């Protein structure tokens, strides 16, 4: 597995990833760029499932550079096992701005990713953005660059991917790339993010089951 960052890899750490849209709700109280309305299952086919890292697959330890602090979120390994059983490729798309802040090195992020990858049973690719929120890069979520790069590495169309994360930036990045997004809220997810997400699930296995049901042509 290749963790060496390329310009398109630029992935980053966290609670600073929330897009300005969530701070400026629309007139209906929803975040611009996210559509409130009827919940539908992702359309078929699903070529790959891409996960956010911190707060989604592993507990969010801000700017973590210590592999010993990596702890899986509830159901994370089970969710990956479900996808592996169906032969669905997987990857991680993660903002890691601690690098740009001088709090982490690329090697720190790779070591944490390697530890998470071992605990999760192995994913197809890990891409991360090291840039600061104001750097104007194309890769930092909610921009689509990480989704495009992960899809390229996996050899799939971004439009046939699903992105699963815990905040609006993850869903917005999916939308910007033409992919579909599923929000799995946790204690840090803002209520307006939950209310405006196009699709939510109570935990990671439930999110994956929704994705797989859609791929099999399940009812919406």
N, C-alpha and C. Protein backbone atom coordinates (compact mmCIF):
# COMPACT_ATOMS: atom_id res chain seq x y z
N UNK A 1 0.84 -1.18 0.00
CA UNK A 1 0.00 0.00 0.00
C UNK A 1 0.87 1.23 0.00
N UNK A 2 0.51 2.24 -0.78
CA UNK A 2 1.34 3.42 -0.94
C UNK A 2 0.74 4.59 -0.19
N UNK A 3 1.45 5.08 0.83
CA UNK A 3 0.99 6.25 1.56
C UNK A 3 1.73 7.52 1.15
N UNK A 4 2.63 7.42 0.15
CA UNK A 4 3.40 8.60 -0.21
C UNK A 4 2.48 9.64 -0.82
N UNK A 5 2.39 10.84 -0.22
CA UNK A 5 1.46 11.84 -0.73
C UNK A 5 1.92 12.40 -2.07
N UNK A 6 0.95 12.64 -2.94
CA UNK A 6 1.19 13.34 -4.18
C UNK A 6 0.41 14.63 -4.10
N UNK A 7 0.56 15.56 -5.05
CA UNK A 7 -0.21 16.79 -4.97
C UNK A 7 -1.70 16.53 -4.84
N UNK A 8 -2.20 15.49 -5.48
CA UNK A 8 -3.64 15.20 -5.39
C UNK A 8 -3.99 14.50 -4.10
N UNK A 9 -2.97 14.00 -3.36
CA UNK A 9 -3.22 13.27 -2.14
C UNK A 9 -3.57 14.18 -0.98
N UNK A 10 -3.19 15.42 -1.11
CA UNK A 10 -3.26 16.33 0.00
C UNK A 10 -4.46 16.09 0.90
N UNK A 11 -4.37 15.14 1.86
CA UNK A 11 -5.34 14.90 2.92
C UNK A 11 -4.98 15.50 4.26
N UNK A 12 -5.84 15.78 5.43
CA UNK A 12 -5.56 16.57 6.68
C UNK A 12 -6.07 16.16 8.09
N UNK A 13 -5.91 16.83 9.78
CA UNK A 13 -6.46 16.35 11.09
C UNK A 13 -7.89 16.73 11.31
N UNK A 14 -8.42 17.87 11.96
CA UNK A 14 -9.83 17.75 11.91
C UNK A 14 -10.79 18.81 12.28
N UNK A 15 -11.31 18.88 13.42
CA UNK A 15 -12.52 19.64 13.60
C UNK A 15 -12.48 20.95 12.83
N UNK A 16 -11.34 21.35 12.29
CA UNK A 16 -11.27 22.54 11.45
C UNK A 16 -11.68 22.26 10.02
N UNK A 17 -12.15 21.06 9.72
CA UNK A 17 -12.50 20.76 8.33
C UNK A 17 -13.90 21.21 7.97
N UNK A 18 -14.68 21.65 8.93
CA UNK A 18 -16.06 22.00 8.63
C UNK A 18 -16.09 23.14 7.61
N UNK A 19 -16.87 22.98 6.55
CA UNK A 19 -16.92 24.02 5.53
C UNK A 19 -17.68 25.23 6.01
N UNK A 20 -17.38 26.42 5.45
CA UNK A 20 -18.11 27.61 5.85
C UNK A 20 -19.61 27.46 5.70
N UNK A 21 -20.05 26.58 4.80
CA UNK A 21 -21.49 26.42 4.57
C UNK A 21 -22.22 26.05 5.85
N UNK A 22 -21.61 25.25 6.72
CA UNK A 22 -22.31 24.84 7.92
C UNK A 22 -22.41 25.97 8.92
N UNK A 23 -21.60 27.01 8.75
CA UNK A 23 -21.67 28.15 9.65
C UNK A 23 -22.63 29.21 9.12
N UNK A 24 -23.09 29.05 7.88
CA UNK A 24 -24.02 29.99 7.28
C UNK A 24 -25.21 29.24 6.72
N UNK A 25 -26.12 28.80 7.58
CA UNK A 25 -27.24 28.00 7.10
C UNK A 25 -28.14 28.79 6.17
N UNK A 26 -28.83 28.05 5.31
CA UNK A 26 -29.77 28.68 4.39
C UNK A 26 -31.02 29.13 5.12
N UNK A 27 -31.94 29.73 4.38
CA UNK A 27 -33.13 30.27 4.99
C UNK A 27 -33.99 29.20 5.63
N UNK A 28 -33.88 27.97 5.15
CA UNK A 28 -34.67 26.90 5.73
C UNK A 28 -33.94 26.23 6.88
N UNK A 29 -32.75 26.76 7.26
CA UNK A 29 -32.00 26.19 8.36
C UNK A 29 -31.05 25.10 7.95
N UNK A 30 -31.07 24.72 6.67
CA UNK A 30 -30.16 23.68 6.21
C UNK A 30 -28.87 24.32 5.72
N UNK A 31 -27.80 23.50 5.66
CA UNK A 31 -26.53 24.02 5.19
C UNK A 31 -26.54 24.09 3.67
N UNK A 32 -26.17 25.24 3.09
CA UNK A 32 -26.09 25.33 1.64
C UNK A 32 -25.19 24.23 1.08
N UNK A 33 -25.62 23.65 -0.02
CA UNK A 33 -24.84 22.58 -0.63
C UNK A 33 -25.29 21.20 -0.19
N UNK A 34 -26.06 21.12 0.88
CA UNK A 34 -26.65 19.85 1.30
C UNK A 34 -28.15 19.97 1.12
N UNK A 35 -28.76 18.95 0.59
CA UNK A 35 -30.18 19.01 0.27
C UNK A 35 -30.98 18.23 1.29
N UNK A 36 -31.86 18.93 2.01
CA UNK A 36 -32.79 18.25 2.89
C UNK A 36 -33.91 17.68 2.04
N UNK A 37 -34.48 16.58 2.45
CA UNK A 37 -35.57 16.00 1.68
C UNK A 37 -35.65 14.52 1.89
N UNK A 38 -36.41 13.82 1.04
CA UNK A 38 -36.62 12.39 1.21
C UNK A 38 -35.30 11.63 1.16
N UNK A 39 -35.16 10.66 2.04
CA UNK A 39 -33.96 9.83 2.08
C UNK A 39 -34.09 8.71 1.06
N UNK A 40 -33.09 8.54 0.24
CA UNK A 40 -33.07 7.46 -0.72
C UNK A 40 -31.77 6.70 -0.59
N UNK A 41 -31.80 5.43 -0.95
CA UNK A 41 -30.59 4.63 -0.95
C UNK A 41 -29.70 5.01 -2.12
N UNK A 42 -28.38 4.88 -1.97
CA UNK A 42 -27.49 5.17 -3.10
C UNK A 42 -27.84 4.33 -4.32
N UNK A 43 -27.71 4.95 -5.48
CA UNK A 43 -28.06 4.24 -6.70
C UNK A 43 -27.00 3.16 -7.00
N UNK A 44 -27.36 2.20 -7.78
CA UNK A 44 -26.45 1.16 -8.24
C UNK A 44 -25.73 1.67 -9.48
N UNK A 45 -24.49 1.29 -9.75
CA UNK A 45 -23.65 0.40 -8.96
C UNK A 45 -22.84 1.16 -7.92
N UNK A 46 -22.20 0.42 -7.02
CA UNK A 46 -21.26 1.00 -6.07
C UNK A 46 -19.90 0.39 -6.38
N UNK A 47 -19.01 1.21 -6.94
CA UNK A 47 -17.71 0.71 -7.36
C UNK A 47 -16.71 0.68 -6.21
N UNK A 48 -16.88 1.58 -5.22
CA UNK A 48 -15.98 1.63 -4.07
C UNK A 48 -16.64 2.45 -2.98
N UNK A 49 -16.24 2.18 -1.75
CA UNK A 49 -16.70 2.96 -0.60
C UNK A 49 -15.48 3.61 0.04
N UNK A 50 -15.54 4.93 0.19
CA UNK A 50 -14.45 5.71 0.76
C UNK A 50 -14.88 6.25 2.11
N UNK A 51 -14.01 6.12 3.08
CA UNK A 51 -14.33 6.53 4.44
C UNK A 51 -13.47 7.72 4.88
N UNK A 52 -14.08 8.62 5.64
CA UNK A 52 -13.31 9.57 6.42
C UNK A 52 -12.55 8.77 7.50
N UNK A 53 -11.47 9.33 8.03
CA UNK A 53 -10.71 8.61 9.05
C UNK A 53 -11.15 8.97 10.47
N UNK A 54 -10.81 10.19 10.91
CA UNK A 54 -11.00 10.58 12.31
C UNK A 54 -12.47 10.88 12.61
N UNK A 55 -12.99 10.19 13.61
CA UNK A 55 -14.39 10.35 13.97
C UNK A 55 -15.31 9.44 13.19
N UNK A 56 -14.77 8.74 12.20
CA UNK A 56 -15.55 7.80 11.41
C UNK A 56 -15.01 6.39 11.59
N UNK A 57 -13.79 6.14 11.14
CA UNK A 57 -13.18 4.81 11.31
C UNK A 57 -12.46 4.69 12.64
N UNK A 58 -11.81 5.77 13.08
CA UNK A 58 -11.07 5.74 14.34
C UNK A 58 -11.51 6.91 15.20
N UNK A 59 -11.31 6.77 16.52
CA UNK A 59 -11.65 7.86 17.42
C UNK A 59 -10.85 9.10 17.06
N UNK A 60 -11.49 10.25 17.19
CA UNK A 60 -10.86 11.50 16.79
C UNK A 60 -9.94 12.00 17.90
N UNK A 61 -8.64 11.79 17.72
CA UNK A 61 -7.61 12.35 18.60
C UNK A 61 -6.97 13.48 17.81
N UNK A 62 -7.23 14.74 18.14
CA UNK A 62 -6.76 15.85 17.31
C UNK A 62 -5.26 15.79 17.05
N UNK A 63 -4.91 15.90 15.76
CA UNK A 63 -3.52 15.95 15.33
C UNK A 63 -2.71 14.78 15.88
N UNK A 64 -3.29 13.61 15.78
CA UNK A 64 -2.64 12.43 16.36
C UNK A 64 -1.49 11.94 15.49
N UNK A 65 -0.32 11.83 16.08
CA UNK A 65 0.83 11.25 15.41
C UNK A 65 1.34 10.00 16.09
N UNK A 66 0.57 9.46 17.04
CA UNK A 66 0.98 8.31 17.84
C UNK A 66 0.12 7.10 17.48
N UNK A 67 0.68 6.10 16.80
CA UNK A 67 -0.11 4.91 16.46
C UNK A 67 -0.70 4.21 17.67
N UNK A 68 -0.07 4.36 18.83
CA UNK A 68 -0.58 3.72 20.04
C UNK A 68 -1.90 4.29 20.52
N UNK A 69 -2.26 5.47 20.02
CA UNK A 69 -3.53 6.08 20.42
C UNK A 69 -4.69 5.74 19.48
N UNK A 70 -4.41 4.95 18.47
CA UNK A 70 -5.46 4.62 17.50
C UNK A 70 -6.45 3.64 18.13
N UNK A 71 -7.72 4.02 18.13
CA UNK A 71 -8.80 3.16 18.61
C UNK A 71 -9.91 3.17 17.57
N UNK A 72 -10.40 2.01 17.20
CA UNK A 72 -11.45 1.94 16.19
C UNK A 72 -12.78 2.44 16.74
N UNK A 73 -13.54 3.07 15.87
CA UNK A 73 -14.92 3.44 16.22
C UNK A 73 -15.77 2.18 16.26
N UNK A 74 -16.85 2.19 17.05
CA UNK A 74 -17.71 1.01 17.13
C UNK A 74 -18.20 0.58 15.76
N UNK A 75 -18.07 -0.71 15.47
CA UNK A 75 -18.57 -1.26 14.22
C UNK A 75 -17.68 -1.05 13.02
N UNK A 76 -16.53 -0.38 13.19
CA UNK A 76 -15.69 -0.07 12.03
C UNK A 76 -15.17 -1.33 11.35
N UNK A 77 -14.62 -2.25 12.13
CA UNK A 77 -14.08 -3.46 11.52
C UNK A 77 -15.20 -4.28 10.89
N UNK A 78 -16.33 -4.35 11.53
CA UNK A 78 -17.47 -5.08 10.99
C UNK A 78 -17.92 -4.48 9.65
N UNK A 79 -17.94 -3.15 9.57
CA UNK A 79 -18.35 -2.50 8.33
C UNK A 79 -17.40 -2.86 7.19
N UNK A 80 -16.10 -2.84 7.47
CA UNK A 80 -15.13 -3.19 6.44
C UNK A 80 -15.23 -4.65 6.04
N UNK A 81 -15.49 -5.51 7.02
CA UNK A 81 -15.65 -6.93 6.71
C UNK A 81 -16.84 -7.18 5.80
N UNK A 82 -17.93 -6.43 6.01
CA UNK A 82 -19.10 -6.57 5.16
C UNK A 82 -18.76 -6.21 3.71
N UNK A 83 -18.01 -5.15 3.53
CA UNK A 83 -17.63 -4.75 2.17
C UNK A 83 -16.66 -5.74 1.55
N UNK A 84 -15.72 -6.23 2.33
CA UNK A 84 -14.77 -7.21 1.79
C UNK A 84 -15.50 -8.48 1.36
N UNK A 85 -16.50 -8.88 2.13
CA UNK A 85 -17.26 -10.08 1.79
C UNK A 85 -17.98 -9.94 0.46
N UNK A 86 -18.31 -8.70 0.08
CA UNK A 86 -18.99 -8.44 -1.19
C UNK A 86 -18.03 -8.04 -2.30
N UNK A 87 -16.74 -8.00 -1.98
CA UNK A 87 -15.75 -7.64 -2.99
C UNK A 87 -15.75 -6.18 -3.38
N UNK A 88 -16.23 -5.30 -2.49
CA UNK A 88 -16.29 -3.87 -2.79
C UNK A 88 -14.98 -3.20 -2.36
N UNK A 89 -14.26 -2.55 -3.26
CA UNK A 89 -13.03 -1.85 -2.89
C UNK A 89 -13.30 -0.74 -1.88
N UNK A 90 -12.30 -0.45 -1.06
CA UNK A 90 -12.44 0.57 -0.02
C UNK A 90 -11.22 1.47 0.02
N UNK A 91 -11.41 2.65 0.57
CA UNK A 91 -10.31 3.58 0.75
C UNK A 91 -10.64 4.59 1.83
N UNK A 92 -9.65 5.40 2.16
CA UNK A 92 -9.81 6.45 3.17
C UNK A 92 -9.43 7.78 2.55
N UNK A 93 -10.23 8.81 2.82
CA UNK A 93 -9.98 10.18 2.37
C UNK A 93 -10.02 11.07 3.61
N UNK A 94 -8.88 11.66 3.97
CA UNK A 94 -8.74 12.26 5.29
C UNK A 94 -8.02 13.60 5.23
N UNK A 95 -8.60 14.62 5.86
CA UNK A 95 -7.90 15.89 6.05
C UNK A 95 -6.92 15.76 7.21
N UNK A 96 -5.67 16.14 7.00
CA UNK A 96 -4.65 16.07 8.04
C UNK A 96 -3.86 17.38 8.08
N UNK A 97 -4.52 18.46 8.46
CA UNK A 97 -3.89 19.78 8.45
C UNK A 97 -2.83 19.94 9.52
N UNK A 98 -2.70 18.97 10.44
CA UNK A 98 -1.62 19.03 11.41
C UNK A 98 -0.26 19.10 10.74
N UNK A 99 -0.15 18.56 9.53
CA UNK A 99 1.11 18.65 8.79
C UNK A 99 1.38 20.11 8.43
N UNK A 100 0.40 20.77 7.86
CA UNK A 100 0.57 22.17 7.50
C UNK A 100 0.79 23.07 8.69
N UNK A 101 0.28 22.68 9.85
CA UNK A 101 0.45 23.47 11.07
C UNK A 101 1.78 23.20 11.76
N UNK A 102 2.53 22.24 11.25
CA UNK A 102 3.80 21.89 11.88
C UNK A 102 3.66 21.01 13.10
N UNK A 103 2.48 20.42 13.29
CA UNK A 103 2.23 19.57 14.45
C UNK A 103 2.47 18.10 14.15
N UNK A 104 2.50 17.75 12.87
CA UNK A 104 2.69 16.38 12.43
C UNK A 104 3.63 16.36 11.24
N UNK A 105 4.26 15.23 11.02
CA UNK A 105 5.02 15.00 9.79
C UNK A 105 4.25 14.01 8.92
N UNK A 106 4.64 13.92 7.65
CA UNK A 106 4.04 12.91 6.79
C UNK A 106 4.27 11.51 7.36
N UNK A 107 5.44 11.27 7.92
CA UNK A 107 5.71 9.96 8.52
C UNK A 107 4.79 9.68 9.69
N UNK A 108 4.48 10.70 10.50
CA UNK A 108 3.54 10.51 11.61
C UNK A 108 2.20 10.03 11.08
N UNK A 109 1.70 10.71 10.05
CA UNK A 109 0.39 10.36 9.50
C UNK A 109 0.43 8.96 8.91
N UNK A 110 1.50 8.62 8.21
CA UNK A 110 1.58 7.28 7.63
C UNK A 110 1.60 6.21 8.71
N UNK A 111 2.32 6.45 9.81
CA UNK A 111 2.36 5.45 10.87
C UNK A 111 0.98 5.25 11.50
N UNK A 112 0.26 6.34 11.72
CA UNK A 112 -1.10 6.23 12.26
C UNK A 112 -2.00 5.51 11.25
N UNK A 113 -1.88 5.86 9.98
CA UNK A 113 -2.67 5.18 8.95
C UNK A 113 -2.36 3.69 8.90
N UNK A 114 -1.08 3.35 9.00
CA UNK A 114 -0.68 1.93 8.95
C UNK A 114 -1.28 1.16 10.12
N UNK A 115 -1.28 1.78 11.30
CA UNK A 115 -1.87 1.11 12.47
C UNK A 115 -3.37 0.92 12.30
N UNK A 116 -4.04 1.97 11.84
CA UNK A 116 -5.49 1.86 11.60
C UNK A 116 -5.78 0.81 10.54
N UNK A 117 -4.97 0.79 9.49
CA UNK A 117 -5.17 -0.17 8.41
C UNK A 117 -5.05 -1.60 8.93
N UNK A 118 -4.07 -1.83 9.79
CA UNK A 118 -3.89 -3.18 10.35
C UNK A 118 -5.09 -3.58 11.21
N UNK A 119 -5.59 -2.66 12.02
CA UNK A 119 -6.73 -2.97 12.89
C UNK A 119 -8.00 -3.20 12.08
N UNK A 120 -8.11 -2.52 10.95
CA UNK A 120 -9.31 -2.61 10.12
C UNK A 120 -9.26 -3.76 9.12
N UNK A 121 -8.14 -4.41 9.02
CA UNK A 121 -8.04 -5.55 8.11
C UNK A 121 -7.57 -5.22 6.72
N UNK A 122 -7.19 -3.96 6.47
CA UNK A 122 -6.62 -3.58 5.18
C UNK A 122 -7.63 -2.95 4.24
N UNK A 123 -7.35 -1.70 3.83
CA UNK A 123 -8.15 -1.01 2.83
C UNK A 123 -7.32 -0.83 1.57
N UNK A 124 -7.99 -0.50 0.48
CA UNK A 124 -7.31 -0.44 -0.80
C UNK A 124 -6.38 0.73 -0.97
N UNK A 125 -6.72 1.89 -0.38
CA UNK A 125 -5.86 3.06 -0.51
C UNK A 125 -6.16 4.05 0.60
N UNK A 126 -5.14 4.81 0.98
CA UNK A 126 -5.29 5.88 1.97
C UNK A 126 -4.73 7.16 1.34
N UNK A 127 -5.55 8.19 1.23
CA UNK A 127 -5.08 9.48 0.75
C UNK A 127 -5.44 10.55 1.78
N UNK A 128 -4.56 11.53 1.92
CA UNK A 128 -4.79 12.56 2.93
C UNK A 128 -4.31 13.91 2.43
N UNK A 129 -4.92 14.96 2.96
CA UNK A 129 -4.57 16.33 2.59
C UNK A 129 -3.81 17.00 3.73
N UNK A 130 -2.58 17.44 3.51
CA UNK A 130 -1.80 18.08 4.57
C UNK A 130 -1.99 19.59 4.66
N UNK A 131 -2.86 20.15 3.84
CA UNK A 131 -2.94 21.61 3.72
C UNK A 131 -3.76 22.25 4.84
N UNK A 132 -3.53 23.53 5.02
CA UNK A 132 -4.30 24.33 5.96
C UNK A 132 -5.63 24.73 5.33
N UNK A 133 -6.62 25.07 6.16
CA UNK A 133 -7.93 25.43 5.61
C UNK A 133 -7.89 26.59 4.61
N UNK A 134 -6.96 27.53 4.79
CA UNK A 134 -6.92 28.71 3.92
C UNK A 134 -5.93 28.57 2.77
N UNK A 135 -5.38 27.38 2.55
CA UNK A 135 -4.38 27.21 1.50
C UNK A 135 -4.98 27.20 0.09
N UNK A 136 -6.26 26.95 -0.01
CA UNK A 136 -6.91 26.97 -1.32
C UNK A 136 -6.60 25.78 -2.19
N UNK A 137 -6.24 24.65 -1.59
CA UNK A 137 -5.95 23.45 -2.37
C UNK A 137 -7.25 22.85 -2.91
N UNK A 138 -7.10 21.93 -3.85
CA UNK A 138 -8.26 21.26 -4.41
C UNK A 138 -8.59 19.95 -3.69
N UNK A 139 -7.71 19.54 -2.78
CA UNK A 139 -7.89 18.21 -2.18
C UNK A 139 -8.60 18.26 -0.84
N UNK A 140 -8.49 19.35 -0.12
CA UNK A 140 -9.04 19.39 1.23
C UNK A 140 -10.57 19.34 1.20
N UNK A 141 -11.14 18.36 1.90
CA UNK A 141 -12.59 18.31 1.99
C UNK A 141 -13.09 19.60 2.65
N UNK A 142 -14.15 20.20 2.13
CA UNK A 142 -15.19 19.67 1.25
C UNK A 142 -14.91 19.72 -0.25
N UNK A 143 -13.70 20.06 -0.66
CA UNK A 143 -13.37 19.98 -2.09
C UNK A 143 -13.20 18.51 -2.50
N UNK A 144 -13.25 18.22 -3.78
CA UNK A 144 -13.36 16.83 -4.23
C UNK A 144 -12.05 16.10 -4.50
N UNK A 145 -10.90 16.77 -4.35
CA UNK A 145 -9.65 16.18 -4.82
C UNK A 145 -9.31 14.82 -4.24
N UNK A 146 -9.56 14.65 -2.95
CA UNK A 146 -9.25 13.36 -2.32
C UNK A 146 -10.11 12.24 -2.90
N UNK A 147 -11.36 12.55 -3.15
CA UNK A 147 -12.27 11.53 -3.72
C UNK A 147 -11.80 11.16 -5.12
N UNK A 148 -11.44 12.17 -5.92
CA UNK A 148 -10.94 11.89 -7.26
C UNK A 148 -9.68 11.02 -7.21
N UNK A 149 -8.76 11.35 -6.32
CA UNK A 149 -7.50 10.61 -6.26
C UNK A 149 -7.72 9.18 -5.76
N UNK A 150 -8.55 9.01 -4.73
CA UNK A 150 -8.81 7.65 -4.24
C UNK A 150 -9.47 6.81 -5.33
N UNK A 151 -10.42 7.40 -6.05
CA UNK A 151 -11.06 6.67 -7.14
C UNK A 151 -10.06 6.31 -8.23
N UNK A 152 -9.15 7.24 -8.54
CA UNK A 152 -8.14 6.95 -9.55
C UNK A 152 -7.26 5.78 -9.11
N UNK A 153 -6.83 5.80 -7.88
CA UNK A 153 -5.98 4.73 -7.38
C UNK A 153 -6.69 3.37 -7.41
N UNK A 154 -7.99 3.40 -7.14
CA UNK A 154 -8.75 2.16 -7.11
C UNK A 154 -9.23 1.75 -8.50
N UNK A 155 -9.05 2.61 -9.50
CA UNK A 155 -9.46 2.29 -10.86
C UNK A 155 -10.95 2.31 -11.07
N UNK A 156 -11.66 3.22 -10.36
CA UNK A 156 -13.11 3.30 -10.48
C UNK A 156 -13.52 4.72 -10.83
N UNK A 157 -14.77 4.87 -11.25
CA UNK A 157 -15.35 6.17 -11.56
C UNK A 157 -15.76 6.84 -10.24
N UNK A 158 -15.35 8.09 -10.00
CA UNK A 158 -15.78 8.76 -8.76
C UNK A 158 -17.29 8.80 -8.60
N UNK A 159 -18.01 8.89 -9.71
CA UNK A 159 -19.46 8.94 -9.64
C UNK A 159 -20.10 7.66 -9.16
N UNK A 160 -19.34 6.57 -9.16
CA UNK A 160 -19.85 5.29 -8.68
C UNK A 160 -19.35 4.96 -7.27
N UNK A 161 -18.80 5.98 -6.59
CA UNK A 161 -18.31 5.79 -5.23
C UNK A 161 -19.31 6.31 -4.21
N UNK A 162 -19.19 5.83 -3.00
CA UNK A 162 -19.92 6.35 -1.85
C UNK A 162 -18.89 6.79 -0.82
N UNK A 163 -19.10 7.98 -0.24
CA UNK A 163 -18.23 8.49 0.81
C UNK A 163 -19.00 8.47 2.12
N UNK A 164 -18.42 7.86 3.15
CA UNK A 164 -19.04 7.77 4.47
C UNK A 164 -18.21 8.59 5.46
N UNK A 165 -18.85 9.52 6.14
CA UNK A 165 -18.14 10.34 7.12
C UNK A 165 -19.06 10.84 8.21
N UNK A 166 -18.50 11.69 9.09
CA UNK A 166 -19.25 12.11 10.27
C UNK A 166 -19.58 13.59 10.30
N UNK A 167 -19.12 14.36 9.30
CA UNK A 167 -19.45 15.78 9.26
C UNK A 167 -19.81 16.19 7.84
N UNK A 168 -20.33 17.42 7.72
CA UNK A 168 -20.82 17.88 6.42
C UNK A 168 -19.73 17.92 5.37
N UNK A 169 -18.49 18.22 5.76
CA UNK A 169 -17.41 18.29 4.77
C UNK A 169 -17.26 16.99 3.99
N UNK A 170 -17.52 15.86 4.64
CA UNK A 170 -17.40 14.57 3.97
C UNK A 170 -18.48 14.42 2.91
N UNK A 171 -19.70 14.79 3.26
CA UNK A 171 -20.82 14.68 2.33
C UNK A 171 -20.66 15.68 1.18
N UNK A 172 -20.18 16.87 1.50
CA UNK A 172 -19.99 17.88 0.46
C UNK A 172 -18.87 17.49 -0.50
N UNK A 173 -17.82 16.88 0.01
CA UNK A 173 -16.75 16.41 -0.87
C UNK A 173 -17.27 15.34 -1.83
N UNK A 174 -18.11 14.45 -1.31
CA UNK A 174 -18.71 13.44 -2.16
C UNK A 174 -19.52 14.09 -3.26
N UNK A 175 -20.36 15.03 -2.89
CA UNK A 175 -21.20 15.69 -3.89
C UNK A 175 -20.37 16.43 -4.92
N UNK A 176 -19.33 17.11 -4.48
CA UNK A 176 -18.48 17.86 -5.41
C UNK A 176 -17.80 16.95 -6.42
N UNK A 177 -17.55 15.70 -6.02
CA UNK A 177 -16.90 14.73 -6.91
C UNK A 177 -17.90 13.94 -7.74
N UNK A 178 -19.18 14.20 -7.56
CA UNK A 178 -20.20 13.43 -8.27
C UNK A 178 -20.49 12.10 -7.62
N UNK A 179 -19.97 11.89 -6.41
CA UNK A 179 -20.22 10.66 -5.65
C UNK A 179 -21.42 10.85 -4.74
N UNK A 180 -21.72 9.83 -3.97
CA UNK A 180 -22.81 9.90 -3.00
C UNK A 180 -22.24 9.88 -1.60
N UNK A 181 -22.92 10.54 -0.66
CA UNK A 181 -22.43 10.63 0.70
C UNK A 181 -23.41 10.07 1.71
N UNK A 182 -22.87 9.47 2.75
CA UNK A 182 -23.66 8.98 3.88
C UNK A 182 -23.04 9.55 5.15
N UNK A 183 -23.86 10.17 5.97
CA UNK A 183 -23.40 10.73 7.24
C UNK A 183 -23.69 9.75 8.37
N UNK A 184 -22.65 9.46 9.16
CA UNK A 184 -22.81 8.65 10.37
C UNK A 184 -22.50 9.57 11.54
N UNK A 185 -23.52 10.16 12.15
CA UNK A 185 -23.27 11.17 13.18
C UNK A 185 -22.64 10.58 14.43
N UNK A 186 -21.85 11.41 15.12
CA UNK A 186 -21.36 11.08 16.45
C UNK A 186 -21.61 12.26 17.36
N UNK A 187 -21.03 12.25 18.54
CA UNK A 187 -21.31 13.31 19.51
C UNK A 187 -20.84 14.67 19.02
N UNK A 188 -19.88 14.71 18.12
CA UNK A 188 -19.34 15.98 17.63
C UNK A 188 -20.06 16.50 16.39
N UNK A 189 -20.95 15.70 15.80
CA UNK A 189 -21.66 16.12 14.59
C UNK A 189 -22.72 17.15 14.97
N UNK A 190 -22.75 18.24 14.24
CA UNK A 190 -23.71 19.31 14.55
C UNK A 190 -25.11 18.93 14.11
N UNK A 191 -26.12 19.36 14.87
CA UNK A 191 -27.51 19.02 14.51
C UNK A 191 -27.88 19.44 13.10
N UNK A 192 -27.41 20.61 12.66
CA UNK A 192 -27.77 21.07 11.32
C UNK A 192 -27.14 20.20 10.25
N UNK A 193 -26.01 19.59 10.56
CA UNK A 193 -25.38 18.68 9.61
C UNK A 193 -26.22 17.41 9.45
N UNK A 194 -26.75 16.94 10.56
CA UNK A 194 -27.61 15.75 10.50
C UNK A 194 -28.89 16.07 9.75
N UNK A 195 -29.49 17.22 10.08
CA UNK A 195 -30.77 17.58 9.47
C UNK A 195 -30.68 17.76 7.97
N UNK A 196 -29.54 18.23 7.48
CA UNK A 196 -29.43 18.54 6.06
C UNK A 196 -28.74 17.46 5.25
N UNK A 197 -28.25 16.40 5.90
CA UNK A 197 -27.57 15.34 5.16
C UNK A 197 -28.56 14.58 4.27
N UNK A 198 -28.15 14.21 3.07
CA UNK A 198 -29.05 13.48 2.18
C UNK A 198 -29.35 12.07 2.65
N UNK A 199 -28.43 11.47 3.40
CA UNK A 199 -28.62 10.11 3.89
C UNK A 199 -27.81 9.95 5.16
N UNK A 200 -28.43 9.41 6.21
CA UNK A 200 -27.73 9.17 7.47
C UNK A 200 -27.92 7.73 7.90
N UNK A 201 -27.00 7.27 8.76
CA UNK A 201 -27.10 5.93 9.34
C UNK A 201 -26.65 6.00 10.79
N UNK A 202 -27.15 5.09 11.60
CA UNK A 202 -26.86 5.12 13.02
C UNK A 202 -25.46 4.69 13.37
N UNK A 203 -24.87 3.85 12.54
CA UNK A 203 -23.50 3.41 12.78
C UNK A 203 -22.90 2.95 11.46
N UNK A 204 -21.64 2.58 11.49
CA UNK A 204 -20.97 2.21 10.25
C UNK A 204 -21.52 0.95 9.60
N UNK A 205 -21.78 -0.13 10.35
CA UNK A 205 -22.38 -1.29 9.69
C UNK A 205 -23.72 -0.97 9.03
N UNK A 206 -24.53 -0.13 9.69
CA UNK A 206 -25.81 0.25 9.10
C UNK A 206 -25.60 1.04 7.82
N UNK A 207 -24.61 1.92 7.81
CA UNK A 207 -24.32 2.68 6.59
C UNK A 207 -23.91 1.76 5.45
N UNK A 208 -23.07 0.80 5.76
CA UNK A 208 -22.61 -0.14 4.72
C UNK A 208 -23.77 -0.99 4.23
N UNK A 209 -24.65 -1.41 5.12
CA UNK A 209 -25.79 -2.20 4.68
C UNK A 209 -26.69 -1.39 3.73
N UNK A 210 -26.86 -0.09 3.99
CA UNK A 210 -27.62 0.76 3.08
C UNK A 210 -26.95 0.79 1.71
N UNK A 211 -25.64 0.95 1.72
CA UNK A 211 -24.90 1.00 0.46
C UNK A 211 -25.05 -0.31 -0.31
N UNK A 212 -24.88 -1.42 0.38
CA UNK A 212 -24.97 -2.71 -0.28
C UNK A 212 -26.38 -3.01 -0.76
N UNK A 213 -27.38 -2.59 0.02
CA UNK A 213 -28.77 -2.78 -0.41
C UNK A 213 -29.04 -2.00 -1.69
N UNK A 214 -28.49 -0.78 -1.79
CA UNK A 214 -28.67 0.00 -3.02
C UNK A 214 -27.98 -0.66 -4.19
N UNK A 215 -26.79 -1.20 -3.95
CA UNK A 215 -26.05 -1.87 -5.04
C UNK A 215 -26.78 -3.09 -5.54
N UNK A 216 -27.54 -3.73 -4.65
CA UNK A 216 -28.29 -4.91 -5.05
C UNK A 216 -29.65 -4.55 -5.62
N UNK A 217 -29.95 -3.24 -5.67
CA UNK A 217 -31.23 -2.82 -6.21
C UNK A 217 -32.34 -2.82 -5.18
N UNK A 218 -31.97 -2.63 -3.88
CA UNK A 218 -32.98 -2.60 -2.83
C UNK A 218 -33.90 -1.41 -2.99
N UNK A 219 -35.05 -1.49 -2.39
CA UNK A 219 -36.04 -0.42 -2.49
C UNK A 219 -35.54 0.82 -1.76
N UNK A 220 -35.91 1.99 -2.27
CA UNK A 220 -35.52 3.23 -1.62
C UNK A 220 -36.59 3.63 -0.61
